[in-house]
Amino acid sequence: MLSDRVKSLRDTGVNGPIPADLVQASASGLDPHITPESALLQVPRIAKARGVSEDMLKKAVAQASEGRQLGFLGTPRVNVLVLNLALDDLIKH
């Protein structure tokens, strides 16, 4: 339920407006992408959970970001799978 997802985010310390893609699921529920705004909103929480600096995490978000398809279709997005794999690799080293 939408209100449960919002409450869950609020309970983890997310403040301010919450981007729609953080509370709505794709049709399959398996979409590996979120907006850059959604990724950056979660930086403090994820940095703390992963034990990395917020600056390091912001750089990783930027590296996992993809632009519009063909330069004009869709919206910029962050590939969460690529981001998580990069974070796993950073933590190992």
N, C-alpha and C. Protein backbone atom coordinates (compact mmCIF):
# COMPACT_ATOMS: atom_id res chain seq x y z
N MET A 1 0.84 -1.18 0.00
CA MET A 1 0.00 0.00 0.00
C MET A 1 0.89 1.24 0.00
N LEU A 2 0.47 2.25 -0.71
CA LEU A 2 1.24 3.48 -0.89
C LEU A 2 1.59 4.15 0.44
N SER A 3 0.62 4.27 1.34
CA SER A 3 0.89 4.94 2.62
C SER A 3 1.90 4.16 3.46
N ASP A 4 1.91 2.84 3.34
CA ASP A 4 2.89 2.02 4.07
C ASP A 4 4.30 2.29 3.56
N ARG A 5 4.45 2.46 2.26
CA ARG A 5 5.76 2.75 1.68
C ARG A 5 6.26 4.12 2.11
N VAL A 6 5.36 5.10 2.13
CA VAL A 6 5.74 6.44 2.59
C VAL A 6 6.15 6.37 4.06
N LYS A 7 5.37 5.70 4.88
CA LYS A 7 5.69 5.58 6.31
C LYS A 7 7.04 4.90 6.50
N SER A 8 7.30 3.86 5.73
CA SER A 8 8.57 3.15 5.83
C SER A 8 9.74 4.08 5.53
N LEU A 9 9.61 4.90 4.50
CA LEU A 9 10.67 5.85 4.17
C LEU A 9 10.83 6.89 5.27
N ARG A 10 9.72 7.40 5.77
CA ARG A 10 9.78 8.39 6.86
C ARG A 10 10.45 7.78 8.10
N ASP A 11 10.14 6.52 8.38
CA ASP A 11 10.72 5.84 9.55
C ASP A 11 12.24 5.69 9.44
N THR A 12 12.77 5.68 8.21
CA THR A 12 14.22 5.55 8.02
C THR A 12 14.90 6.91 7.93
N GLY A 13 14.14 7.99 8.15
CA GLY A 13 14.74 9.32 8.19
C GLY A 13 14.63 10.13 6.92
N VAL A 14 13.90 9.65 5.92
CA VAL A 14 13.73 10.41 4.69
C VAL A 14 12.74 11.54 4.97
N ASN A 15 13.17 12.76 4.72
CA ASN A 15 12.34 13.94 4.95
C ASN A 15 12.05 14.64 3.63
N GLY A 16 11.09 15.54 3.67
CA GLY A 16 10.76 16.32 2.49
C GLY A 16 9.94 15.54 1.49
N PRO A 17 9.77 16.12 0.30
CA PRO A 17 8.98 15.44 -0.73
C PRO A 17 9.63 14.12 -1.13
N ILE A 18 8.81 13.12 -1.34
CA ILE A 18 9.29 11.80 -1.74
C ILE A 18 8.95 11.59 -3.21
N PRO A 19 9.96 11.35 -4.06
CA PRO A 19 9.69 11.10 -5.47
C PRO A 19 8.77 9.89 -5.65
N ALA A 20 7.90 9.98 -6.63
CA ALA A 20 6.90 8.93 -6.86
C ALA A 20 7.53 7.56 -7.08
N ASP A 21 8.68 7.51 -7.74
CA ASP A 21 9.26 6.19 -8.03
C ASP A 21 9.74 5.45 -6.79
N LEU A 22 9.83 6.14 -5.66
CA LEU A 22 10.20 5.44 -4.42
C LEU A 22 9.01 4.77 -3.75
N VAL A 23 7.81 5.16 -4.11
CA VAL A 23 6.64 4.58 -3.45
C VAL A 23 5.73 3.82 -4.41
N GLN A 24 5.98 3.93 -5.69
CA GLN A 24 5.18 3.21 -6.67
C GLN A 24 6.04 2.14 -7.31
N ALA A 25 5.47 0.98 -7.54
CA ALA A 25 6.19 -0.12 -8.17
C ALA A 25 5.91 -0.13 -9.67
N SER A 26 6.88 -0.61 -10.44
CA SER A 26 6.65 -0.80 -11.86
C SER A 26 5.66 -1.95 -12.03
N ALA A 27 5.17 -2.15 -13.22
CA ALA A 27 4.18 -3.21 -13.47
C ALA A 27 4.71 -4.57 -13.01
N SER A 28 5.99 -4.83 -13.26
CA SER A 28 6.56 -6.11 -12.85
C SER A 28 7.11 -6.07 -11.43
N GLY A 29 7.33 -4.86 -10.91
CA GLY A 29 7.95 -4.73 -9.60
C GLY A 29 9.44 -5.01 -9.61
N LEU A 30 10.02 -5.13 -10.81
CA LEU A 30 11.42 -5.51 -10.93
C LEU A 30 12.28 -4.46 -11.61
N ASP A 31 11.77 -3.26 -11.79
CA ASP A 31 12.51 -2.23 -12.50
C ASP A 31 13.80 -1.90 -11.74
N PRO A 32 14.97 -2.05 -12.39
CA PRO A 32 16.23 -1.81 -11.71
C PRO A 32 16.65 -0.33 -11.71
N HIS A 33 15.78 0.57 -12.12
CA HIS A 33 16.14 1.98 -12.23
C HIS A 33 15.28 2.85 -11.31
N ILE A 34 15.91 3.90 -10.79
CA ILE A 34 15.20 4.94 -10.07
C ILE A 34 15.73 6.28 -10.59
N THR A 35 15.04 7.34 -10.27
CA THR A 35 15.48 8.67 -10.70
C THR A 35 16.71 9.08 -9.89
N PRO A 36 17.53 9.96 -10.47
CA PRO A 36 18.67 10.47 -9.69
C PRO A 36 18.21 11.15 -8.39
N GLU A 37 17.08 11.83 -8.43
CA GLU A 37 16.55 12.49 -7.22
C GLU A 37 16.26 11.46 -6.13
N SER A 38 15.68 10.34 -6.53
CA SER A 38 15.38 9.27 -5.56
C SER A 38 16.65 8.68 -4.97
N ALA A 39 17.64 8.48 -5.81
CA ALA A 39 18.92 7.94 -5.34
C ALA A 39 19.58 8.89 -4.36
N LEU A 40 19.63 10.17 -4.71
CA LEU A 40 20.30 11.15 -3.85
C LEU A 40 19.56 11.37 -2.54
N LEU A 41 18.24 11.24 -2.56
CA LEU A 41 17.46 11.38 -1.34
C LEU A 41 17.83 10.31 -0.31
N GLN A 42 18.25 9.16 -0.80
CA GLN A 42 18.57 8.04 0.08
C GLN A 42 20.04 7.97 0.48
N VAL A 43 20.85 8.88 -0.02
CA VAL A 43 22.30 8.84 0.24
C VAL A 43 22.63 8.77 1.73
N PRO A 44 22.09 9.63 2.58
CA PRO A 44 22.48 9.55 4.01
C PRO A 44 22.19 8.18 4.62
N ARG A 45 21.01 7.64 4.33
CA ARG A 45 20.61 6.35 4.90
C ARG A 45 21.48 5.21 4.38
N ILE A 46 21.73 5.20 3.08
CA ILE A 46 22.51 4.12 2.48
C ILE A 46 23.98 4.22 2.88
N ALA A 47 24.51 5.45 2.94
CA ALA A 47 25.91 5.63 3.35
C ALA A 47 26.12 5.09 4.76
N LYS A 48 25.19 5.37 5.63
CA LYS A 48 25.29 4.88 7.01
C LYS A 48 25.20 3.35 7.04
N ALA A 49 24.24 2.79 6.31
CA ALA A 49 24.05 1.34 6.29
C ALA A 49 25.25 0.61 5.67
N ARG A 50 25.86 1.24 4.67
CA ARG A 50 26.98 0.60 3.96
C ARG A 50 28.33 0.93 4.58
N GLY A 51 28.36 1.92 5.48
CA GLY A 51 29.62 2.30 6.10
C GLY A 51 30.56 3.03 5.16
N VAL A 52 30.00 3.84 4.25
CA VAL A 52 30.81 4.64 3.33
C VAL A 52 30.44 6.11 3.51
N SER A 53 31.29 6.98 3.02
CA SER A 53 31.00 8.40 3.14
C SER A 53 29.90 8.80 2.15
N GLU A 54 29.19 9.84 2.50
CA GLU A 54 28.15 10.34 1.60
C GLU A 54 28.75 10.81 0.28
N ASP A 55 29.93 11.44 0.34
CA ASP A 55 30.58 11.89 -0.90
C ASP A 55 30.93 10.72 -1.81
N MET A 56 31.43 9.64 -1.23
CA MET A 56 31.77 8.46 -2.02
C MET A 56 30.50 7.88 -2.66
N LEU A 57 29.43 7.85 -1.90
CA LEU A 57 28.18 7.30 -2.41
C LEU A 57 27.61 8.20 -3.52
N LYS A 58 27.71 9.50 -3.37
CA LYS A 58 27.23 10.42 -4.42
C LYS A 58 28.00 10.21 -5.72
N LYS A 59 29.30 9.97 -5.61
CA LYS A 59 30.11 9.69 -6.80
C LYS A 59 29.67 8.38 -7.45
N ALA A 60 29.39 7.38 -6.63
CA ALA A 60 28.93 6.09 -7.16
C ALA A 60 27.58 6.24 -7.85
N VAL A 61 26.69 7.06 -7.28
CA VAL A 61 25.40 7.33 -7.91
C VAL A 61 25.61 7.98 -9.27
N ALA A 62 26.50 8.95 -9.33
CA ALA A 62 26.77 9.63 -10.60
C ALA A 62 27.31 8.65 -11.64
N GLN A 63 28.17 7.73 -11.22
CA GLN A 63 28.74 6.75 -12.15
C GLN A 63 27.70 5.74 -12.63
N ALA A 64 26.69 5.45 -11.81
CA ALA A 64 25.65 4.49 -12.18
C ALA A 64 24.48 5.17 -12.90
N SER A 65 24.60 6.48 -13.11
CA SER A 65 23.52 7.22 -13.77
C SER A 65 23.59 7.07 -15.28
N GLU A 66 22.43 7.01 -15.88
CA GLU A 66 22.30 6.89 -17.32
C GLU A 66 21.45 8.06 -17.81
N GLY A 67 21.80 8.61 -18.95
CA GLY A 67 21.03 9.71 -19.51
C GLY A 67 19.80 9.22 -20.24
N ARG A 68 19.17 10.14 -20.93
CA ARG A 68 17.99 9.80 -21.74
C ARG A 68 18.40 8.90 -22.88
N GLN A 69 17.54 7.98 -23.26
CA GLN A 69 17.82 7.09 -24.39
C GLN A 69 17.86 7.92 -25.67
N LEU A 70 18.88 7.70 -26.47
CA LEU A 70 19.10 8.44 -27.71
C LEU A 70 19.20 9.94 -27.49
N GLY A 71 19.45 10.33 -26.23
CA GLY A 71 19.63 11.73 -25.91
C GLY A 71 18.35 12.52 -25.70
N PHE A 72 17.17 11.91 -25.99
CA PHE A 72 15.93 12.67 -25.83
C PHE A 72 14.73 11.85 -25.36
N LEU A 73 14.84 10.55 -25.30
CA LEU A 73 13.71 9.72 -24.88
C LEU A 73 13.81 9.37 -23.40
N GLY A 74 12.69 9.42 -22.72
CA GLY A 74 12.64 9.02 -21.31
C GLY A 74 13.27 10.06 -20.40
N THR A 75 13.61 9.61 -19.22
CA THR A 75 14.20 10.49 -18.22
C THR A 75 15.54 9.92 -17.76
N PRO A 76 16.41 10.77 -17.22
CA PRO A 76 17.66 10.25 -16.65
C PRO A 76 17.31 9.27 -15.52
N ARG A 77 18.18 8.27 -15.32
CA ARG A 77 17.90 7.25 -14.33
C ARG A 77 19.20 6.70 -13.76
N VAL A 78 19.06 6.06 -12.62
CA VAL A 78 20.19 5.40 -11.96
C VAL A 78 19.90 3.90 -11.99
N ASN A 79 20.86 3.14 -12.48
CA ASN A 79 20.72 1.69 -12.50
C ASN A 79 21.12 1.18 -11.12
N VAL A 80 20.13 0.78 -10.34
CA VAL A 80 20.36 0.37 -8.95
C VAL A 80 21.22 -0.89 -8.86
N LEU A 81 21.05 -1.81 -9.79
CA LEU A 81 21.88 -3.02 -9.78
C LEU A 81 23.36 -2.66 -9.97
N VAL A 82 23.65 -1.82 -10.95
CA VAL A 82 25.03 -1.39 -11.19
C VAL A 82 25.57 -0.65 -9.97
N LEU A 83 24.75 0.21 -9.37
CA LEU A 83 25.16 0.96 -8.18
C LEU A 83 25.48 0.02 -7.02
N ASN A 84 24.61 -0.95 -6.76
CA ASN A 84 24.85 -1.88 -5.66
C ASN A 84 26.09 -2.74 -5.89
N LEU A 85 26.31 -3.17 -7.11
CA LEU A 85 27.51 -3.94 -7.41
C LEU A 85 28.78 -3.10 -7.21
N ALA A 86 28.72 -1.83 -7.61
CA ALA A 86 29.87 -0.94 -7.42
C ALA A 86 30.12 -0.72 -5.93
N LEU A 87 29.06 -0.56 -5.14
CA LEU A 87 29.22 -0.38 -3.70
C LEU A 87 29.79 -1.65 -3.05
N ASP A 88 29.31 -2.80 -3.49
CA ASP A 88 29.87 -4.06 -2.98
C ASP A 88 31.37 -4.12 -3.25
N ASP A 89 31.77 -3.71 -4.45
CA ASP A 89 33.17 -3.75 -4.83
C ASP A 89 34.00 -2.76 -4.02
N LEU A 90 33.45 -1.57 -3.76
CA LEU A 90 34.15 -0.56 -2.97
C LEU A 90 34.38 -1.05 -1.54
N ILE A 91 33.39 -1.70 -0.98
CA ILE A 91 33.47 -2.14 0.40
C ILE A 91 34.47 -3.29 0.55
N LYS A 92 34.61 -4.13 -0.47
CA LYS A 92 35.56 -5.24 -0.43
C LYS A 92 37.00 -4.76 -0.42
N HIS A 93 37.24 -3.60 -1.03
CA HIS A 93 38.62 -3.13 -1.18
C HIS A 93 38.97 -2.07 -0.19
